């Protein structure tokens, strides 16, 4: 493995303000009414209630950064309902600053397109991320955008041989590899948790999910020869030590470690 590696995951909620604008909803309609009207219309047409990617408002971006100094866990969170642009900008700024290996699970199919649309909406700048070789010739042959380049590694897509019918859930693969998997909630519950004021619970859930992705990535690196058996065991031990140090102040890591035992 070559450092730095940045593993990421997002949690999003419906962009009701955007939905209101696109539907031309009357000002007197509440957010709940606007969203309910959209759901009813979708149901009438036999469509799913999954919000289109351009109307997914980014609430949390959680990251595991592995660099020469160790393992670092950080989340960018829109806690006031007004900071989505700042959250997305800070994520892309960290890519521009560190130029890491990006790793995700379905990042090419969901997380990154959402971040592209929301970044465009908020005027975010991300020059290194979008470099296709104009500034750095090396990026012509290995950039963050191309599906078949490795600078962004969408583990789900690669393991499925780029065939959606072969896709596997992260939770299942994490558990099959002996890791904890999802704890507490899943993506379908995020909006209800947000409406209940549980943004910090969503942040904690996102962090455990991104840790699952990092652990599966380590297992993948072992499989492809990027880590020896000894190096893999050292990495797993470092993860447990890092989480153990965080557990006293962050109860979800204590729960995660207990689920891993």
Protein backbone atom coordinates (compact mmCIF):
# COMPACT_ATOMS: atom_id res chain seq x y z
CA UNK A 1 0.00 0.00 0.00
CA UNK A 2 1.13 3.52 -0.79
CA UNK A 3 0.17 6.37 1.53
CA UNK A 4 -1.80 8.52 1.82
CA UNK A 5 -5.08 6.62 1.43
CA UNK A 6 -8.38 8.44 1.95
CA UNK A 7 -11.44 6.24 2.38
CA UNK A 8 -14.74 8.11 2.34
CA UNK A 9 -18.48 7.68 2.68
CA UNK A 10 -21.35 10.16 2.62
CA UNK A 11 -24.77 10.33 4.21
CA UNK A 12 -27.37 12.46 2.49
CA UNK A 13 -30.98 13.56 2.94
CA UNK A 14 -33.59 14.87 0.48
CA UNK A 15 -32.94 18.43 -0.69
CA UNK A 16 -36.43 19.70 0.00
CA UNK A 17 -35.46 23.31 -0.78
CA UNK A 18 -34.25 22.19 -4.20
CA UNK A 19 -37.36 20.08 -4.66
CA UNK A 20 -39.50 23.08 -3.74
CA UNK A 21 -37.74 25.25 -6.31
CA UNK A 22 -37.97 22.68 -9.10
CA UNK A 23 -41.63 21.93 -8.42
CA UNK A 24 -42.60 25.58 -8.00
CA UNK A 25 -44.24 24.73 -4.69
CA UNK A 26 -46.21 27.53 -3.00
CA UNK A 27 -44.41 29.29 -0.18
CA UNK A 28 -47.10 28.31 2.30
CA UNK A 29 -46.45 24.58 1.80
CA UNK A 30 -44.31 23.09 4.55
CA UNK A 31 -41.25 20.99 3.80
CA UNK A 32 -43.20 17.93 4.90
CA UNK A 33 -45.99 18.74 2.44
CA UNK A 34 -43.56 19.35 -0.44
CA UNK A 35 -41.80 16.07 0.18
CA UNK A 36 -45.07 14.17 0.65
CA UNK A 37 -46.44 15.54 -2.64
CA UNK A 38 -43.31 14.37 -4.45
CA UNK A 39 -43.57 10.91 -2.89
CA UNK A 40 -47.24 10.66 -3.87
CA UNK A 41 -46.45 11.63 -7.44
CA UNK A 42 -43.68 9.03 -7.64
CA UNK A 43 -45.94 6.34 -6.22
CA UNK A 44 -48.67 7.21 -8.72
CA UNK A 45 -46.18 6.67 -11.55
CA UNK A 46 -44.94 3.40 -10.07
CA UNK A 47 -41.53 4.93 -9.32
CA UNK A 48 -39.35 4.39 -6.27
CA UNK A 49 -39.04 6.90 -3.43
CA UNK A 50 -35.26 7.17 -3.97
CA UNK A 51 -34.34 10.82 -4.41
CA UNK A 52 -32.41 11.61 -7.65
CA UNK A 53 -28.71 12.19 -7.03
CA UNK A 54 -28.84 15.92 -7.81
CA UNK A 55 -31.42 16.30 -5.03
CA UNK A 56 -29.42 14.43 -2.38
CA UNK A 57 -28.27 17.02 0.17
CA UNK A 58 -24.97 16.07 1.75
CA UNK A 59 -25.22 15.92 5.53
CA UNK A 60 -22.05 14.02 6.52
CA UNK A 61 -18.82 13.02 4.81
CA UNK A 62 -16.77 10.64 6.95
CA UNK A 63 -13.17 9.78 6.13
CA UNK A 64 -10.46 7.41 7.23
CA UNK A 65 -7.08 8.85 6.32
CA UNK A 66 -4.13 6.48 6.48
CA UNK A 67 -0.81 8.22 6.09
CA UNK A 68 2.72 7.88 7.37
CA UNK A 69 1.66 9.15 10.81
CA UNK A 70 -1.11 6.59 11.34
CA UNK A 71 -4.87 6.27 11.01
CA UNK A 72 -7.06 9.35 11.34
CA UNK A 73 -10.87 9.48 11.39
CA UNK A 74 -12.61 12.73 10.54
CA UNK A 75 -16.12 13.78 9.59
CA UNK A 76 -17.33 16.91 7.85
CA UNK A 77 -20.87 17.61 9.12
CA UNK A 78 -23.56 20.12 8.19
CA UNK A 79 -24.82 20.71 11.71
CA UNK A 80 -26.69 23.95 11.12
CA UNK A 81 -28.47 23.05 7.88
CA UNK A 82 -26.64 25.85 6.08
CA UNK A 83 -23.13 24.46 5.66
CA UNK A 84 -23.45 21.86 2.91
CA UNK A 85 -21.21 23.87 0.57
CA UNK A 86 -18.53 24.17 3.23
CA UNK A 87 -18.72 20.43 3.98
CA UNK A 88 -18.26 19.52 0.31
CA UNK A 89 -15.54 22.13 -0.17
CA UNK A 90 -13.56 20.87 2.82
CA UNK A 91 -13.67 17.33 1.47
CA UNK A 92 -12.38 18.33 -1.96
CA UNK A 93 -9.80 20.63 -0.39
CA UNK A 94 -8.37 17.68 1.52
CA UNK A 95 -8.01 15.83 -1.80
CA UNK A 96 -6.34 18.81 -3.44
CA UNK A 97 -3.94 19.16 -0.50
CA UNK A 98 -3.00 15.51 0.01
CA UNK A 99 -3.61 13.97 -3.47
CA UNK A 100 -4.44 10.63 -1.83
CA UNK A 101 -5.49 7.27 -3.12
CA UNK A 102 -9.30 7.56 -2.85
CA UNK A 103 -11.23 4.48 -1.79
CA UNK A 104 -14.98 3.97 -1.59
CA UNK A 105 -17.73 1.38 -1.74
CA UNK A 106 -20.05 2.40 -4.59
CA UNK A 107 -18.43 5.83 -4.64
CA UNK A 108 -18.57 5.91 -8.43
CA UNK A 109 -22.25 5.02 -8.46
CA UNK A 110 -23.46 7.28 -5.67
CA UNK A 111 -21.11 9.29 -3.43
CA UNK A 112 -19.03 11.04 -6.07
CA UNK A 113 -21.88 11.94 -8.46
CA UNK A 114 -23.75 13.41 -5.49
CA UNK A 115 -20.66 15.39 -4.48
CA UNK A 116 -20.23 16.60 -8.07
CA UNK A 117 -23.79 17.92 -8.29
CA UNK A 118 -23.75 19.48 -4.84
CA UNK A 119 -20.31 20.97 -5.40
CA UNK A 120 -21.54 22.52 -8.64
CA UNK A 121 -24.56 23.96 -6.87
CA UNK A 122 -22.44 25.60 -4.16
CA UNK A 123 -19.57 26.84 -6.33
CA UNK A 124 -17.00 24.44 -4.87
CA UNK A 125 -13.45 24.43 -6.28
CA UNK A 126 -11.61 21.12 -6.74
CA UNK A 127 -8.91 21.61 -9.37
CA UNK A 128 -6.71 18.63 -8.52
CA UNK A 129 -9.63 16.26 -8.27
CA UNK A 130 -10.76 17.22 -11.78
CA UNK A 131 -7.27 17.15 -13.33
CA UNK A 132 -7.37 14.84 -16.36
CA UNK A 133 -3.78 15.52 -17.36
CA UNK A 134 -3.94 19.20 -18.25
CA UNK A 135 -1.84 20.25 -15.23
CA UNK A 136 -0.11 16.97 -14.37
CA UNK A 137 0.55 14.58 -17.26
CA UNK A 138 0.56 11.65 -14.84
CA UNK A 139 -3.16 12.28 -14.29
CA UNK A 140 -3.88 11.61 -17.96
CA UNK A 141 -3.22 7.94 -17.32
CA UNK A 142 -4.44 7.70 -13.73
CA UNK A 143 -7.00 10.19 -12.47
CA UNK A 144 -9.91 10.37 -10.05
CA UNK A 145 -12.58 10.50 -12.76
CA UNK A 146 -12.02 7.48 -14.97
CA UNK A 147 -13.91 4.37 -13.90
CA UNK A 148 -10.99 2.12 -14.82
CA UNK A 149 -8.19 4.12 -13.21
CA UNK A 150 -7.02 3.36 -9.68
CA UNK A 151 -6.56 6.84 -8.21
CA UNK A 152 -10.15 6.45 -7.11
CA UNK A 153 -10.79 2.81 -6.26
CA UNK A 154 -14.48 1.94 -6.04
CA UNK A 155 -14.07 -1.42 -4.34
CA UNK A 156 -17.62 -2.58 -5.00
CA UNK A 157 -17.39 -1.78 -8.70
CA UNK A 158 -13.98 -3.41 -9.13
CA UNK A 159 -14.82 -6.59 -7.22
CA UNK A 160 -18.01 -6.93 -9.28
CA UNK A 161 -15.92 -6.68 -12.47
CA UNK A 162 -17.78 -3.46 -13.34
CA UNK A 163 -21.04 -5.38 -13.73
CA UNK A 164 -23.89 -4.07 -11.52
CA UNK A 165 -25.59 -7.48 -11.40
CA UNK A 166 -22.57 -8.71 -9.42
CA UNK A 167 -22.62 -5.94 -6.80
CA UNK A 168 -22.46 -6.98 -3.14
CA UNK A 169 -23.51 -4.92 -0.07
CA UNK A 170 -20.71 -3.52 2.08
CA UNK A 171 -22.40 -4.76 5.25
CA UNK A 172 -22.45 -8.34 3.95
CA UNK A 173 -18.84 -8.29 2.75
CA UNK A 174 -17.59 -6.70 5.97
CA UNK A 175 -19.30 -9.35 8.07
CA UNK A 176 -18.15 -12.18 5.80
CA UNK A 177 -14.58 -10.93 6.30
CA UNK A 178 -15.02 -10.97 10.08
CA UNK A 179 -15.51 -7.22 10.57
CA UNK A 180 -18.43 -5.66 12.52
CA UNK A 181 -20.49 -4.36 9.58
CA UNK A 182 -23.26 -1.81 10.08
CA UNK A 183 -24.23 -0.77 13.59
CA UNK A 184 -27.35 1.02 14.78
CA UNK A 185 -28.99 2.05 11.50
CA UNK A 186 -28.80 1.86 7.75
CA UNK A 187 -29.07 4.41 4.96
CA UNK A 188 -32.85 4.10 4.69
CA UNK A 189 -33.21 5.45 8.23
CA UNK A 190 -31.00 8.52 7.87
CA UNK A 191 -33.69 11.04 6.92
CA UNK A 192 -35.98 10.01 9.78
CA UNK A 193 -33.04 10.27 12.18
CA UNK A 194 -32.21 13.71 10.80
CA UNK A 195 -35.78 14.93 11.29
CA UNK A 196 -35.57 13.64 14.87
CA UNK A 197 -32.49 15.81 15.46
CA UNK A 198 -30.05 12.87 15.56
CA UNK A 199 -27.33 14.32 13.32
CA UNK A 200 -24.58 13.12 15.64
CA UNK A 201 -25.95 9.57 15.51
CA UNK A 202 -25.82 9.79 11.71
CA UNK A 203 -22.23 10.99 11.92
CA UNK A 204 -21.31 8.05 14.14
CA UNK A 205 -23.04 5.60 11.81
CA UNK A 206 -21.20 7.06 8.81
CA UNK A 207 -17.87 6.73 10.60
CA UNK A 208 -18.40 3.06 11.36
CA UNK A 209 -19.42 2.46 7.76
CA UNK A 210 -16.29 4.11 6.41
CA UNK A 211 -14.18 2.07 8.83
CA UNK A 212 -15.81 -1.07 7.41
CA UNK A 213 -14.74 0.12 3.97
CA UNK A 214 -11.17 0.67 5.12
CA UNK A 215 -10.97 -2.79 6.65
CA UNK A 216 -12.33 -4.44 3.49
CA UNK A 217 -9.80 -2.39 1.51
CA UNK A 218 -6.99 -3.77 3.70
CA UNK A 219 -8.25 -7.29 3.04
CA UNK A 220 -8.29 -6.48 -0.69
CA UNK A 221 -4.72 -5.20 -0.50
CA UNK A 222 -3.70 -8.44 1.16
CA UNK A 223 -5.40 -10.39 -1.63
CA UNK A 224 -3.67 -8.45 -4.40
CA UNK A 225 -0.24 -8.47 -2.73
CA UNK A 226 -0.25 -4.86 -1.57
CA UNK A 227 0.14 -6.07 2.00
CA UNK A 228 1.96 -9.13 3.23
CA UNK A 229 0.28 -11.30 5.84
CA UNK A 230 2.41 -9.69 8.55
CA UNK A 231 1.72 -6.16 7.28
CA UNK A 232 -1.99 -6.88 7.14
CA UNK A 233 -2.01 -8.11 10.74
CA UNK A 234 -0.05 -5.01 11.79
CA UNK A 235 -2.60 -2.79 10.05
CA UNK A 236 -5.53 -4.52 11.76
CA UNK A 237 -3.76 -4.15 15.11
CA UNK A 238 -3.23 -0.43 14.40
CA UNK A 239 -6.92 0.01 13.60
CA UNK A 240 -7.91 -1.64 16.89
CA UNK A 241 -5.41 0.45 18.84
CA UNK A 242 -6.63 3.66 17.19
CA UNK A 243 -10.27 2.87 17.92
CA UNK A 244 -9.40 1.82 21.45
CA UNK A 245 -7.87 5.25 22.05
CA UNK A 246 -11.04 6.92 20.72
CA UNK A 247 -13.51 4.66 22.55
CA UNK A 248 -13.50 6.49 25.92
CA UNK A 249 -14.87 9.67 24.32
CA UNK A 250 -16.78 8.13 21.40
CA UNK A 251 -19.04 5.29 22.53
CA UNK A 252 -19.70 4.03 19.01
CA UNK A 253 -16.08 2.88 18.74
CA UNK A 254 -16.43 0.93 21.97
CA UNK A 255 -19.55 -0.72 20.50
CA UNK A 256 -17.69 -1.37 17.25
CA UNK A 257 -14.77 -3.04 18.97
CA UNK A 258 -17.09 -5.21 21.07
CA UNK A 259 -18.91 -6.31 17.90
CA UNK A 260 -15.53 -7.20 16.41
CA UNK A 261 -14.43 -9.39 19.31
